[in-house]
Protein backbone atom coordinates (compact mmCIF):
# COMPACT_ATOMS: atom_id res chain seq x y z
CA MET A 1 0.00 0.00 0.00
CA LYS A 2 1.28 3.47 -0.87
CA THR A 3 0.86 6.53 1.30
CA LEU A 4 0.45 10.08 0.06
CA THR A 5 1.24 12.91 2.47
CA LEU A 6 0.09 16.44 1.67
CA ASN A 7 1.40 19.51 3.49
CA LYS A 8 -1.05 22.38 3.86
CA GLN A 9 0.45 25.59 2.48
CA GLY A 10 -2.36 27.87 3.67
CA TYR A 11 -5.75 28.80 2.30
CA ILE A 12 -7.24 30.00 -0.97
CA ILE A 13 -10.11 32.45 -0.63
CA LYS A 14 -12.80 33.03 -3.26
CA GLY A 15 -16.02 34.96 -2.95
CA ILE A 16 -18.23 37.99 -3.45
CA ALA A 17 -17.41 41.41 -1.96
CA ASP A 18 -20.11 43.79 -0.74
CA LEU A 19 -19.20 47.35 -1.70
CA THR A 20 -20.19 50.99 -1.81
CA CYS A 21 -19.81 52.51 -5.27
CA TRP A 22 -18.35 55.97 -5.89
CA GLY A 23 -21.27 58.40 -5.62
CA GLY A 24 -23.19 56.03 -3.35
CA GLY A 25 -25.19 52.91 -3.87
CA ASN A 26 -24.54 49.38 -2.78
CA GLY A 27 -23.27 46.62 -5.03
CA CYS A 28 -21.37 43.37 -5.11
CA ILE A 29 -18.58 41.95 -7.23
CA LYS A 30 -16.71 38.68 -7.55
CA MET A 31 -13.35 39.07 -5.81
CA LYS A 32 -10.04 38.10 -7.31
CA SER A 33 -9.13 34.92 -5.43
CA PHE A 34 -6.18 35.16 -3.05
CA ARG A 35 -3.96 33.03 -0.82
CA VAL A 36 -3.35 33.54 2.89
CA LYS A 37 -1.27 31.63 5.42
CA SER A 38 -3.68 32.37 8.29
CA LEU A 39 -7.45 32.89 8.38
CA LYS A 40 -6.79 36.11 10.31
CA GLU A 41 -5.42 37.61 7.06
CA ILE A 42 -8.67 37.32 5.10
CA LYS A 43 -10.23 40.65 6.12
CA ASN A 44 -7.15 42.63 5.03
CA ASN A 45 -7.17 40.97 1.59
CA LEU A 46 -10.80 41.52 0.58
CA ASN A 47 -10.82 43.13 -2.87
CA ASP A 48 -12.93 44.58 -5.68
CA ASN A 49 -11.10 42.66 -8.44
CA GLY A 50 -9.52 45.93 -9.60
CA PHE A 51 -12.87 47.61 -10.29
CA GLY A 52 -12.36 50.63 -8.01
CA VAL A 53 -14.97 51.43 -5.38
CA GLN A 54 -15.46 53.84 -2.51
CA SER A 55 -15.32 51.07 0.08
CA ILE A 56 -15.49 47.34 0.60
CA ASN A 57 -17.97 46.68 3.37
CA GLY A 58 -17.55 42.94 3.75
CA ALA A 59 -17.67 39.70 1.82
CA ILE A 60 -18.98 36.18 1.63
CA CYS A 61 -15.88 34.00 1.34
CA ASP A 62 -15.40 30.39 0.38
CA ILE A 63 -12.33 29.00 2.15
CA TYR A 64 -10.29 26.21 0.61
CA ASP A 65 -7.37 24.35 2.19
CA ASP A 66 -4.37 24.81 -0.12
CA PHE A 67 -2.18 21.72 -0.53
CA GLY A 68 -0.28 23.08 -3.53
CA LYS A 69 -1.82 21.60 -6.66
CA ILE A 70 -4.78 20.24 -4.68
CA ILE A 71 -7.36 22.42 -2.97
CA GLN A 72 -10.22 21.23 -0.79
CA TYR A 73 -13.33 23.20 0.19
CA ARG A 74 -13.39 23.91 3.93
CA ARG A 75 -16.33 26.27 4.64
CA THR A 76 -18.04 29.56 3.79
CA ILE A 77 -17.90 32.59 6.09
CA THR A 78 -19.27 36.12 6.11
CA ILE A 79 -16.94 38.98 7.03
CA GLY A 80 -18.06 42.53 7.85
CA LYS A 81 -21.33 44.04 6.67
CA VAL A 82 -23.02 42.22 3.82
CA SER A 83 -26.29 43.44 2.29
CA ASP A 84 -29.22 41.30 1.19
CA ASN A 85 -28.26 42.18 -2.42
CA THR A 86 -24.87 40.53 -1.94
CA ILE A 87 -26.42 37.47 -0.30
CA ASN A 88 -28.82 37.14 -3.26
CA CYS A 89 -25.91 37.61 -5.68
CA VAL A 90 -24.09 34.66 -4.10
CA PHE A 91 -27.13 32.41 -4.41
CA ASP A 92 -27.82 33.57 -7.99
CA ASN A 93 -24.25 32.65 -9.01
CA SER A 94 -24.17 29.24 -7.29
């Protein structure tokens, strides 16, 4: 029998950011996925995928364990303030 050992390198984060557009109004956008070593780093890496917004209010993030070439879904979390529009956007894109 062969054994395969995988070393976790951190986490890959994917998701939808809740944002305030320039000039007002709430919206949501798919974030550019990113890697973190610790789950504590997620909040500081939330992004608007380069779109450019007044502020990022929060996000719904899918967390994946990163084993290099293999990733495995871990769980989904909500960070910060997320509007109903963003929640609906996540379900519409599932």
